[in-house]
Protein backbone atom coordinates (compact mmCIF):
# COMPACT_ATOMS: atom_id res chain seq x y z
CA UNK A 1 12.11 -8.62 25.03
CA UNK A 2 14.84 -10.79 26.37
CA UNK A 3 17.82 -9.67 28.66
CA UNK A 4 20.76 -11.37 29.99
CA UNK A 5 20.42 -9.46 33.34
CA UNK A 6 17.73 -8.05 35.51
CA UNK A 7 19.52 -4.90 36.47
CA UNK A 8 17.60 -2.13 34.44
CA UNK A 9 19.52 0.58 33.09
CA UNK A 10 16.74 2.45 31.09
CA UNK A 11 13.41 2.37 28.96
CA UNK A 12 12.28 3.05 25.74
CA UNK A 13 9.19 4.97 25.99
CA UNK A 14 6.91 5.11 22.92
CA UNK A 15 5.32 7.95 21.02
CA UNK A 16 2.86 8.54 18.06
CA UNK A 17 3.52 11.25 15.45
CA UNK A 18 2.02 14.48 16.40
CA UNK A 19 0.16 17.14 14.08
CA UNK A 20 3.23 19.00 13.97
CA UNK A 21 5.30 16.38 12.33
CA UNK A 22 7.28 15.38 15.49
CA UNK A 23 6.53 12.55 18.10
CA UNK A 24 4.10 13.38 20.89
CA UNK A 25 2.98 11.18 23.69
CA UNK A 26 -0.33 9.96 23.27
CA UNK A 27 -2.34 6.72 23.49
CA UNK A 28 0.27 4.03 22.60
CA UNK A 29 0.66 1.74 19.71
CA UNK A 30 3.16 -0.23 21.36
CA UNK A 31 4.24 -0.67 25.34
CA UNK A 32 7.24 0.97 27.35
CA UNK A 33 10.13 -1.46 26.98
CA UNK A 34 12.70 -1.75 29.89
CA UNK A 35 16.21 -2.10 29.19
CA UNK A 36 18.38 -4.20 31.09
CA UNK A 37 22.30 -4.69 31.38
CA UNK A 38 23.57 -7.07 28.81
CA UNK A 39 21.89 -7.97 25.67
CA UNK A 40 18.58 -6.92 24.47
CA UNK A 41 16.05 -7.53 21.71
CA UNK A 42 13.21 -5.63 20.24
CA UNK A 43 11.03 -6.98 17.66
CA UNK A 44 7.58 -8.19 16.51
CA UNK A 45 6.59 -9.22 19.93
CA UNK A 46 6.55 -5.77 21.40
CA UNK A 47 3.89 -4.53 18.94
CA UNK A 48 0.33 -4.48 19.90
CA UNK A 49 -0.84 -5.21 16.49
CA UNK A 50 1.09 -7.21 14.00
CA UNK A 51 3.38 -5.72 11.67
CA UNK A 52 5.35 -8.07 9.38
CA UNK A 53 7.77 -5.20 8.44
CA UNK A 54 9.10 -5.40 11.86
CA UNK A 55 11.20 -8.53 12.25
CA UNK A 56 11.01 -11.13 15.27
CA UNK A 57 14.43 -10.15 15.99
CA UNK A 58 14.28 -6.33 14.74
CA UNK A 59 17.04 -4.88 16.94
CA UNK A 60 19.75 -5.97 19.09
CA UNK A 61 20.53 -3.47 22.05
CA UNK A 62 23.65 -3.66 24.48
CA UNK A 63 23.91 -1.16 27.36
CA UNK A 64 27.18 1.15 27.62
CA UNK A 65 28.93 1.83 31.04
CA UNK A 66 28.11 5.70 30.36
CA UNK A 67 24.37 4.65 30.07
CA UNK A 68 24.18 4.88 26.35
CA UNK A 69 23.12 1.87 23.98
CA UNK A 70 24.55 0.34 21.31
CA UNK A 71 21.95 -0.42 18.73
CA UNK A 72 22.38 -3.34 15.90
CA UNK A 73 19.76 -3.63 13.27
CA UNK A 74 19.07 -7.33 13.14
CA UNK A 75 16.11 -7.48 10.58
CA UNK A 76 16.29 -6.79 6.96
CA UNK A 77 14.27 -3.18 7.07
CA UNK A 78 16.17 -0.17 8.13
CA UNK A 79 15.76 1.98 11.18
CA UNK A 80 15.89 5.60 12.00
CA UNK A 81 18.18 7.21 14.75
CA UNK A 82 17.02 11.06 15.73
CA UNK A 83 19.87 12.36 17.65
CA UNK A 84 21.15 16.00 18.16
CA UNK A 85 18.87 17.42 15.64
CA UNK A 86 20.17 14.64 12.92
CA UNK A 87 18.18 11.93 11.05
CA UNK A 88 19.85 9.19 10.16
CA UNK A 89 18.98 5.84 8.72
CA UNK A 90 20.69 2.67 9.95
CA UNK A 91 20.56 -0.35 7.69
CA UNK A 92 20.42 -4.29 8.17
CA UNK A 93 23.45 -5.19 10.35
CA UNK A 94 24.87 -1.78 10.98
CA UNK A 95 25.34 -0.36 14.20
CA UNK A 96 24.58 2.95 16.06
CA UNK A 97 24.93 4.55 19.66
CA UNK A 98 21.79 6.42 20.99
CA UNK A 99 22.15 8.43 24.43
CA UNK A 100 19.22 9.73 26.74
CA UNK A 101 16.56 11.31 24.80
CA UNK A 102 17.36 9.93 21.37
CA UNK A 103 14.35 8.84 19.45
CA UNK A 104 14.14 5.47 17.50
CA UNK A 105 11.95 5.17 14.45
CA UNK A 106 11.46 1.15 14.44
CA UNK A 107 10.29 1.85 10.74
CA UNK A 108 11.27 5.26 9.40
CA UNK A 109 8.14 7.51 9.88
CA UNK A 110 6.34 4.89 12.21
CA UNK A 111 7.04 3.34 15.66
CA UNK A 112 8.70 6.08 17.66
CA UNK A 113 10.61 5.15 21.00
CA UNK A 114 12.24 7.51 23.15
CA UNK A 115 15.21 5.98 25.17
CA UNK A 116 15.09 7.45 28.70
CA UNK A 117 18.02 6.23 30.98
CA UNK A 118 17.53 4.75 34.48
CA UNK A 119 19.59 7.89 36.19
CA UNK A 120 17.17 10.55 34.53
CA UNK A 121 14.24 8.34 35.66
CA UNK A 122 15.36 8.68 39.38
CA UNK A 123 15.68 12.38 39.28
CA UNK A 124 11.69 12.54 38.88
CA UNK A 125 9.11 11.69 41.00
CA UNK A 126 7.03 11.30 38.33
CA UNK A 127 6.52 9.07 35.50
CA UNK A 128 8.62 9.29 32.43
CA UNK A 129 5.49 10.37 30.54
CA UNK A 130 5.24 13.48 32.71
CA UNK A 131 8.52 15.42 32.20
CA UNK A 132 10.37 13.12 30.03
CA UNK A 133 7.91 13.06 27.21
CA UNK A 134 7.71 16.99 27.39
CA UNK A 135 11.68 17.45 26.54
CA UNK A 136 11.23 14.39 23.86
CA UNK A 137 8.49 16.10 22.26
CA UNK A 138 10.28 19.72 22.12
CA UNK A 139 13.69 17.54 21.03
CA UNK A 140 11.71 15.79 18.11
CA UNK A 141 10.11 19.18 17.00
CA UNK A 142 13.52 20.47 16.55
CA UNK A 143 14.18 17.27 14.64
CA UNK A 144 11.37 17.76 12.71
CA UNK A 145 12.09 21.39 11.47
CA UNK A 146 15.84 20.11 10.67
CA UNK A 147 14.40 16.92 8.89
CA UNK A 148 12.12 19.27 6.83
CA UNK A 149 15.14 21.79 6.03
CA UNK A 150 17.24 19.16 4.65
CA UNK A 151 14.24 17.48 2.57
CA UNK A 152 13.50 21.20 1.12
CA UNK A 153 17.50 21.44 -0.02
CA UNK A 154 17.32 18.24 -1.64
CA UNK A 155 14.09 18.56 -3.40
CA UNK A 156 15.36 21.96 -4.92
CA UNK A 157 18.91 20.71 -5.72
CA UNK A 158 17.20 17.77 -7.71
CA UNK A 159 14.75 20.37 -9.44
CA UNK A 160 17.61 22.42 -10.58
CA UNK A 161 19.28 19.52 -11.85
CA UNK A 162 16.13 18.38 -13.74
CA UNK A 163 15.45 21.72 -15.05
CA UNK A 164 19.03 21.77 -16.49
CA UNK A 165 18.61 19.08 -18.46
CA UNK A 166 15.09 19.38 -19.45
CA UNK A 167 13.62 20.81 -23.13
CA UNK A 168 13.74 23.99 -21.18
CA UNK A 169 17.20 24.90 -22.69
CA UNK A 170 15.14 25.99 -25.90
CA UNK A 171 13.71 28.72 -23.62
CA UNK A 172 15.75 31.66 -21.94
CA UNK A 173 13.19 32.10 -19.17
CA UNK A 174 10.46 30.67 -17.44
CA UNK A 175 7.21 32.63 -17.66
CA UNK A 176 4.92 30.70 -15.38
CA UNK A 177 4.55 29.02 -12.26
CA UNK A 178 2.56 26.66 -11.03
CA UNK A 179 0.68 28.96 -8.29
CA UNK A 180 0.29 31.89 -10.83
CA UNK A 181 -3.08 31.32 -12.16
CA UNK A 182 -4.95 30.79 -8.76
CA UNK A 183 -6.61 34.11 -7.77
CA UNK A 184 -7.34 32.34 -4.31
CA UNK A 185 -4.01 31.81 -3.95
CA UNK A 186 -2.07 28.83 -2.59
CA UNK A 187 -0.26 27.65 0.48
CA UNK A 188 2.07 29.88 2.25
CA UNK A 189 4.89 27.79 1.19
CA UNK A 190 4.24 28.19 -2.38
CA UNK A 191 3.88 31.83 -2.18
CA UNK A 192 7.39 32.03 -0.79
CA UNK A 193 8.52 29.95 -3.65
CA UNK A 194 6.75 31.89 -6.44
CA UNK A 195 5.88 35.41 -7.93
CA UNK A 196 3.03 36.75 -9.77
CA UNK A 197 3.02 36.35 -13.69
CA UNK A 198 5.60 37.48 -15.42
CA UNK A 199 9.23 36.62 -16.13
CA UNK A 200 11.04 34.92 -13.31
CA UNK A 201 14.94 34.67 -13.55
CA UNK A 202 15.80 32.94 -10.71
CA UNK A 203 12.71 31.00 -9.73
CA UNK A 204 11.98 27.52 -10.97
CA UNK A 205 8.61 25.97 -11.12
CA UNK A 206 7.90 23.34 -9.00
CA UNK A 207 6.03 21.10 -11.54
CA UNK A 208 6.47 17.44 -10.14
CA UNK A 209 4.61 16.35 -6.76
CA UNK A 210 3.73 13.24 -4.90
CA UNK A 211 0.17 13.09 -4.15
CA UNK A 212 -0.82 13.35 -0.20
CA UNK A 213 -1.51 9.92 1.43
CA UNK A 214 -3.81 9.48 4.31
CA UNK A 215 -2.55 8.01 7.69
CA UNK A 216 1.07 8.67 6.94
CA UNK A 217 3.48 10.44 9.25
CA UNK A 218 3.23 14.26 8.58
CA UNK A 219 6.99 14.35 7.03
CA UNK A 220 6.07 11.79 4.20
CA UNK A 221 3.63 14.35 2.96
CA UNK A 222 5.96 17.34 2.90
CA UNK A 223 5.19 19.07 -0.59
CA UNK A 224 2.58 16.72 -1.54
CA UNK A 225 -0.88 17.91 -3.35
CA UNK A 226 -4.61 16.88 -3.15
CA UNK A 227 -7.03 17.78 -5.34
CA UNK A 228 -8.15 20.87 -4.07
CA UNK A 229 -4.56 22.31 -4.23
CA UNK A 230 -4.72 21.60 -8.07
CA UNK A 231 -8.02 22.91 -8.96
CA UNK A 232 -8.80 25.91 -7.32
CA UNK A 233 -9.18 29.95 -8.28
CA UNK A 234 -11.60 31.19 -10.82
CA UNK A 235 -11.50 28.25 -13.65
CA UNK A 236 -13.66 29.25 -16.63
CA UNK A 237 -13.69 25.95 -18.33
CA UNK A 238 -12.23 22.72 -17.07
CA UNK A 239 -11.35 19.47 -19.34
CA UNK A 240 -10.90 16.62 -16.88
CA UNK A 241 -9.69 13.29 -18.52
CA UNK A 242 -9.82 9.82 -16.36
CA UNK A 243 -10.73 6.35 -16.58
CA UNK A 244 -12.87 5.96 -13.42
CA UNK A 245 -14.85 8.87 -12.30
CA UNK A 246 -16.75 8.76 -8.81
CA UNK A 247 -18.69 11.97 -9.37
CA UNK A 248 -19.81 11.74 -5.81
CA UNK A 249 -16.62 11.63 -4.26
CA UNK A 250 -15.29 14.46 -6.81
CA UNK A 251 -17.86 17.11 -5.83
CA UNK A 252 -17.33 16.47 -2.09
CA UNK A 253 -13.40 16.24 -2.80
CA UNK A 254 -13.20 19.44 -4.73
CA UNK A 255 -16.57 21.44 -4.28
CA UNK A 256 -15.51 24.58 -6.02
CA UNK A 257 -15.88 22.35 -9.59
CA UNK A 258 -19.50 23.01 -8.92
CA UNK A 259 -18.68 26.62 -9.60
CA UNK A 260 -17.19 25.85 -12.83
CA UNK A 261 -19.53 27.23 -15.82
CA UNK A 262 -18.24 24.91 -18.31
CA UNK A 263 -16.84 20.85 -17.68
CA UNK A 264 -16.02 18.27 -20.17
CA UNK A 265 -15.14 14.77 -18.73
CA UNK A 266 -13.69 12.38 -20.92
CA UNK A 267 -13.92 8.99 -19.24
CA UNK A 268 -13.50 5.04 -19.76
CA UNK A 269 -16.52 4.21 -17.71
CA UNK A 270 -19.27 2.02 -19.31
CA UNK A 271 -22.19 -0.30 -18.13
CA UNK A 272 -23.76 0.68 -14.58
CA UNK A 273 -20.97 2.71 -13.70
CA UNK A 274 -21.61 5.04 -16.81
CA UNK A 275 -25.09 5.02 -15.75
CA UNK A 276 -24.55 6.11 -12.43
CA UNK A 277 -22.13 9.18 -13.82
CA UNK A 278 -25.06 10.07 -15.95
CA UNK A 279 -27.07 10.34 -13.16
CA UNK A 280 -24.89 12.35 -10.50
CA UNK A 281 -23.24 14.96 -12.77
CA UNK A 282 -24.10 18.31 -12.41
CA UNK A 283 -26.47 19.40 -15.43
CA UNK A 284 -24.04 21.62 -17.18
CA UNK A 285 -21.33 18.99 -17.36
CA UNK A 286 -20.68 17.22 -20.64
CA UNK A 287 -19.45 13.74 -20.92
CA UNK A 288 -17.64 11.93 -23.80
CA UNK A 289 -16.34 8.54 -24.01
CA UNK A 290 -13.18 8.63 -26.77
CA UNK A 291 -13.55 6.27 -29.59
CA UNK A 292 -11.72 2.81 -29.30
CA UNK A 293 -11.07 1.57 -32.53
CA UNK A 294 -9.49 -1.89 -31.55
CA UNK A 295 -11.18 -4.33 -28.77
CA UNK A 296 -8.37 -4.14 -26.39
CA UNK A 297 -8.31 -0.39 -26.27
CA UNK A 298 -9.15 1.66 -23.27
CA UNK A 299 -9.35 5.43 -22.22
CA UNK A 300 -7.00 5.72 -19.34
CA UNK A 301 -5.30 9.08 -19.76
CA UNK A 302 -5.40 11.08 -16.54
CA UNK A 303 -5.32 14.73 -16.99
CA UNK A 304 -6.56 18.18 -16.54
CA UNK A 305 -7.00 21.26 -18.77
CA UNK A 306 -7.99 24.28 -16.66
CA UNK A 307 -8.57 27.43 -18.51
CA UNK A 308 -8.58 30.80 -16.11
CA UNK A 309 -8.73 34.47 -17.01
CA UNK A 310 -4.84 34.58 -17.10
CA UNK A 311 -4.25 31.34 -19.06
CA UNK A 312 -4.19 27.39 -18.81
CA UNK A 313 -3.10 24.87 -16.06
CA UNK A 314 -2.27 21.67 -17.84
CA UNK A 315 -2.14 18.68 -15.42
CA UNK A 316 -0.67 15.27 -15.93
CA UNK A 317 -1.09 12.64 -13.39
CA UNK A 318 -1.57 8.97 -12.07
CA UNK A 319 -4.98 9.00 -10.22
CA UNK A 320 -8.21 7.85 -10.97
CA UNK A 321 -10.60 10.37 -10.03
CA UNK A 322 -11.85 8.10 -6.87
CA UNK A 323 -11.26 8.15 -3.25
CA UNK A 324 -8.74 5.44 -2.78
CA UNK A 325 -6.60 6.87 -5.55
CA UNK A 326 -6.40 10.21 -4.16
CA UNK A 327 -5.83 9.19 -0.35
CA UNK A 328 -4.24 5.90 -0.08
CA UNK A 329 -1.82 4.88 -2.82
CA UNK A 330 1.39 6.32 -3.90
CA UNK A 331 0.88 8.64 -7.30
CA UNK A 332 2.40 11.25 -8.82
CA UNK A 333 1.15 14.69 -10.52
CA UNK A 334 2.97 17.18 -13.12
CA UNK A 335 1.61 20.48 -13.86
CA UNK A 336 2.60 23.85 -15.45
CA UNK A 337 0.61 27.23 -16.01
CA UNK A 338 0.70 28.89 -19.42
CA UNK A 339 -0.57 32.56 -20.14
CA UNK A 340 -2.56 33.17 -23.36
CA UNK A 341 -0.98 33.92 -26.87
CA UNK A 342 -0.91 37.61 -27.52
CA UNK A 343 -3.14 38.60 -30.35
CA UNK A 344 -0.67 38.85 -32.77
CA UNK A 345 1.19 35.56 -32.06
CA UNK A 346 0.14 32.65 -34.57
CA UNK A 347 3.05 30.44 -34.04
CA UNK A 348 2.69 27.12 -33.84
CA UNK A 349 6.09 25.73 -33.64
CA UNK A 350 6.05 24.56 -29.99
CA UNK A 351 6.82 20.82 -29.41
CA UNK A 352 4.53 20.87 -26.25
CA UNK A 353 1.78 22.54 -28.34
CA UNK A 354 1.59 20.45 -31.13
CA UNK A 355 1.97 17.29 -28.74
CA UNK A 356 -1.18 18.42 -26.69
CA UNK A 357 -3.27 19.55 -29.67
CA UNK A 358 -2.44 16.28 -31.55
CA UNK A 359 -3.81 14.02 -28.78
CA UNK A 360 -6.60 16.18 -27.95
CA UNK A 361 -7.90 15.99 -31.72
CA UNK A 362 -7.57 12.09 -31.36
CA UNK A 363 -10.16 12.14 -28.63
CA UNK A 364 -12.78 13.40 -31.19
CA UNK A 365 -15.37 14.90 -28.26
CA UNK A 366 -18.02 16.76 -30.02
CA UNK A 367 -17.03 20.54 -30.03
CA UNK A 368 -19.31 22.59 -27.91
CA UNK A 369 -19.38 26.73 -27.81
CA UNK A 370 -18.89 28.62 -24.94
CA UNK A 371 -18.61 32.54 -24.04
CA UNK A 372 -15.31 32.90 -22.09
CA UNK A 373 -14.82 36.56 -20.46
CA UNK A 374 -11.18 36.75 -22.11
CA UNK A 375 -12.12 35.35 -25.39
CA UNK A 376 -15.30 35.85 -26.31
CA UNK A 377 -17.63 32.96 -28.09
CA UNK A 378 -15.42 30.37 -28.92
CA UNK A 379 -15.55 26.64 -30.01
CA UNK A 380 -13.97 24.40 -27.55
CA UNK A 381 -12.39 21.73 -29.75
CA UNK A 382 -8.46 20.64 -29.88
CA UNK A 383 -7.56 23.75 -32.10
CA UNK A 384 -9.09 25.92 -29.07
CA UNK A 385 -5.85 24.93 -26.75
CA UNK A 386 -3.53 26.73 -29.62
CA UNK A 387 -4.59 29.89 -28.08
CA UNK A 388 -2.00 29.45 -25.11
CA UNK A 389 1.53 30.07 -25.37
CA UNK A 390 3.45 26.95 -24.34
CA UNK A 391 7.07 28.60 -24.80
CA UNK A 392 8.10 28.04 -21.49
CA UNK A 393 7.33 24.66 -21.39
CA UNK A 394 9.69 22.38 -19.51
CA UNK A 395 8.74 18.97 -20.89
CA UNK A 396 7.24 17.21 -23.79
CA UNK A 397 4.15 15.35 -23.76
CA UNK A 398 3.88 11.71 -25.17
CA UNK A 399 0.54 10.54 -25.91
CA UNK A 400 -0.72 7.13 -26.36
CA UNK A 401 -3.71 6.34 -28.66
CA UNK A 402 -5.19 2.68 -29.39
CA UNK A 403 -4.97 1.31 -32.94
CA UNK A 404 -2.66 0.15 -35.47
CA UNK A 405 -0.26 2.95 -36.47
CA UNK A 406 1.72 2.86 -39.79
CA UNK A 407 4.12 5.45 -41.84
CA UNK A 408 4.49 8.85 -39.90
CA UNK A 409 2.09 7.75 -37.41
CA UNK A 410 4.45 5.25 -35.93
CA UNK A 411 6.36 7.76 -34.29
CA UNK A 412 3.41 9.93 -33.16
CA UNK A 413 2.14 7.84 -30.32
CA UNK A 414 3.58 5.70 -27.43
CA UNK A 415 7.14 4.32 -27.00
CA UNK A 416 7.82 5.14 -30.55
CA UNK A 417 7.05 9.07 -29.96
CA UNK A 418 9.14 8.85 -26.66
CA UNK A 419 12.13 7.30 -28.94
CA UNK A 420 11.84 9.98 -31.23
CA UNK A 421 11.81 12.70 -28.53
CA UNK A 422 14.95 11.12 -26.64
CA UNK A 423 17.04 10.70 -29.85
CA UNK A 424 17.44 14.37 -29.83
CA UNK A 425 18.48 14.65 -26.27
CA UNK A 426 22.07 14.69 -25.09
CA UNK A 427 23.23 12.88 -21.58
CA UNK A 428 25.78 12.58 -19.43
CA UNK A 429 28.68 9.99 -20.64
CA UNK A 430 28.04 8.07 -17.20
CA UNK A 431 24.58 6.87 -18.49
CA UNK A 432 25.87 4.86 -21.16
CA UNK A 433 24.25 1.23 -21.04
CA UNK A 434 23.22 2.29 -17.82
CA UNK A 435 19.89 0.54 -16.04
CA UNK A 436 16.44 1.49 -17.22
CA UNK A 437 13.94 1.40 -14.48
CA UNK A 438 10.10 0.52 -15.71
CA UNK A 439 7.72 1.11 -12.62
CA UNK A 440 4.08 0.67 -13.14
CA UNK A 441 0.68 -0.45 -12.01
CA UNK A 442 -0.66 -3.14 -14.45
CA UNK A 443 1.25 -5.79 -16.32
CA UNK A 444 0.03 -7.31 -19.74
CA UNK A 445 0.84 -10.07 -21.65
CA UNK A 446 4.43 -9.37 -22.62
CA UNK A 447 7.04 -11.29 -24.72
CA UNK A 448 10.74 -10.73 -25.36
CA UNK A 449 10.52 -8.91 -28.84
CA UNK A 450 8.32 -6.24 -27.33
CA UNK A 451 10.46 -5.79 -24.30
CA UNK A 452 13.43 -5.61 -26.85
CA UNK A 453 11.75 -2.72 -28.67
CA UNK A 454 10.59 -1.05 -25.58
CA UNK A 455 14.46 -1.16 -24.17
CA UNK A 456 15.41 0.34 -27.68
CA UNK A 457 13.06 3.18 -27.07
CA UNK A 458 14.03 3.93 -23.61
CA UNK A 459 17.59 3.67 -24.29
CA UNK A 460 17.55 6.30 -27.10
CA UNK A 461 19.35 9.22 -26.95
CA UNK A 462 23.42 10.89 -27.45
CA UNK A 463 26.24 11.09 -24.62
CA UNK A 464 27.88 14.52 -24.51
CA UNK A 465 30.83 12.87 -26.40
CA UNK A 466 28.45 12.32 -29.31
CA UNK A 467 28.25 8.32 -28.91
CA UNK A 468 24.94 6.71 -28.62
CA UNK A 469 23.79 5.94 -24.93
CA UNK A 470 23.39 2.05 -25.77
CA UNK A 471 21.16 -0.49 -24.40
CA UNK A 472 20.51 -0.42 -20.78
CA UNK A 473 19.62 -3.47 -18.67
CA UNK A 474 15.65 -2.86 -17.89
CA UNK A 475 14.44 -3.58 -14.37
CA UNK A 476 10.73 -4.31 -13.36
CA UNK A 477 9.96 -2.32 -10.24
CA UNK A 478 6.70 -4.45 -8.66
CA UNK A 479 5.09 -4.99 -5.23
CA UNK A 480 5.08 -8.77 -3.82
CA UNK A 481 1.78 -10.30 -2.71
CA UNK A 482 3.25 -9.62 0.85
CA UNK A 483 3.46 -5.98 0.23
CA UNK A 484 0.41 -5.66 -0.79
CA UNK A 485 -1.04 -7.69 2.27
CA UNK A 486 0.75 -5.18 4.50
CA UNK A 487 -0.40 -2.13 2.63
CA UNK A 488 -2.35 0.49 3.91
CA UNK A 489 -5.46 -1.10 1.73
CA UNK A 490 -4.29 -4.79 2.87
CA UNK A 491 -5.40 -7.43 -0.19
CA UNK A 492 -7.66 -4.45 -1.46
CA UNK A 493 -4.88 -2.63 -2.79
CA UNK A 494 -4.32 -5.39 -5.56
CA UNK A 495 -7.01 -4.59 -7.67
CA UNK A 496 -5.20 -1.43 -8.81
CA UNK A 497 -2.13 -3.61 -9.68
CA UNK A 498 -3.68 -6.18 -12.09
CA UNK A 499 -1.97 -8.88 -13.92
CA UNK A 500 -3.12 -12.48 -14.39
CA UNK A 501 -0.60 -14.61 -12.71
CA UNK A 502 0.22 -16.36 -16.19
CA UNK A 503 1.63 -13.16 -17.10
CA UNK A 504 3.78 -12.67 -13.80
CA UNK A 505 5.01 -15.80 -13.80
CA UNK A 506 6.77 -15.95 -17.33
CA UNK A 507 10.18 -17.24 -17.33
CA UNK A 508 11.89 -14.74 -19.20
CA UNK A 509 10.59 -12.03 -16.73
CA UNK A 510 12.69 -13.44 -13.67
CA UNK A 511 15.69 -11.46 -14.76
CA UNK A 512 13.86 -8.10 -14.72
CA UNK A 513 12.38 -8.39 -11.40
CA UNK A 514 12.75 -5.74 -8.86
CA UNK A 515 10.73 -5.27 -5.28
CA UNK A 516 8.61 -1.89 -4.64
CA UNK A 517 10.41 0.24 -2.05
CA UNK A 518 9.97 3.68 -0.89
CA UNK A 519 11.40 3.94 2.37
CA UNK A 520 12.78 7.67 2.00
CA UNK A 521 9.53 9.25 1.32
CA UNK A 522 7.68 6.73 3.52
CA UNK A 523 5.12 5.16 1.34
CA UNK A 524 6.35 1.46 1.24
CA UNK A 525 2.78 0.62 2.58
CA UNK A 526 1.19 3.13 0.06
CA UNK A 527 0.85 0.51 -3.14
CA UNK A 528 2.17 2.11 -6.42
CA UNK A 529 -0.36 3.26 -8.71
CA UNK A 530 2.47 5.94 -9.96
CA UNK A 531 3.96 5.01 -13.27
CA UNK A 532 7.88 5.84 -13.35
CA UNK A 533 10.18 5.21 -16.03
CA UNK A 534 13.87 6.39 -15.98
CA UNK A 535 17.83 5.42 -16.52
CA UNK A 536 20.02 5.95 -13.75
CA UNK A 537 23.65 5.47 -12.73
CA UNK A 538 24.44 5.03 -8.80
CA UNK A 539 22.28 8.23 -7.37
CA UNK A 540 22.20 10.14 -10.48
CA UNK A 541 19.03 10.10 -12.77
CA UNK A 542 19.27 10.78 -16.28
């Protein structure tokens, strides 16, 4: 902190995030910072521990005659100003004015500082931490409520837009919601948003979620999920598909799985990891590693099929069944519930159903027989999953199966399947030749020919005037070494964002690179294991 005068006008008082989602006084992550007349600088030197996201000259502050401060963001990272119940982001080189009791977030969601001007300090015979911090806590709790409400409105608007553009256009009603199959119920918030099983005219399913990340401010985990949120209620049969499975962690994190009478685990483990999996699994669990017809193949699918008395929950997600993936990384999850088909329903013309059954058939697990209270004695094979009514599905499933595919099978899997699905979609004219986002967690040995094929697949579709969308410019979103170093896990996070240096440094890839950022959800330091592919124009997503 530097000053041009030693006449003190106020203090920046530190906070840490409280349990309610608002700042509260506690053991301080940085000392109080006196503010003097003239120019002041706040930066990395004010922190107790080094955090390179905070620049050496992060903010400059100038005291104004009315007791307020003019703040200029000098570093490249934005800050947040909480004032009069509003939470506003201020980016590099932008200015803001803060008054007494306003709160600064030096990094969005972190390093909370409340401004207390000197005149207020003189009114109290006690320290700022006794009286002023109580007012600051109440003020910030109000801010938190407003911010959460605003985020919920934005989420609902985005959900509505997505649903309007999805494959749900083929169905006139949504018959299932995320919470409908849970006999044990869900969170109070989900109860407010959902109804019991039956036709829903005005309630849309919240089918996409980010996963909860430990150690982040509570506002960043609004509407996120943990594994017990997903696997709950009276599960009769569970099919868990994943690459890595830590059985000890899984049964500790989700103890209700021990009560499921029939569990099939489809995995990609081998060697010592597989031997440990065999030793630690419950006796009634079945393990199966799907066949890999080529040497470079892996079983990497992360999904869950949970059968209930009322129907099935289908979950597709991005996390391995290990602690760090469900706690320390940016991950995503899609889920939707479907009822059992009626006895006389033999239809098989639902795209989602065929997508799912075709993929399950390729996994070739040895079928087994179980007795389910609602279905009697049944064989658990791919065909079993046709017993559910997927007519309310709001998505299509794109499976990838290792091997060489020719003829009709070329468009059955991978990006060629995606191309065939998108070719049937109609988008707004604004997305013609708009940019493409490739955001993923591992990078193979790519060449320009394959990148062109991939861009063609992701660019498929027509505009609402009948013209082709056209090829968009691809952007690869990827963390830097510095991002990994400063992440929640430090360099250890790099093990789940793998690529040989020779793959990353190919000259033709230079034009594609874009840096990973997630300020708006507070996940810049939670390294991305999520995979996202999209097309956008400005702030609009196709």
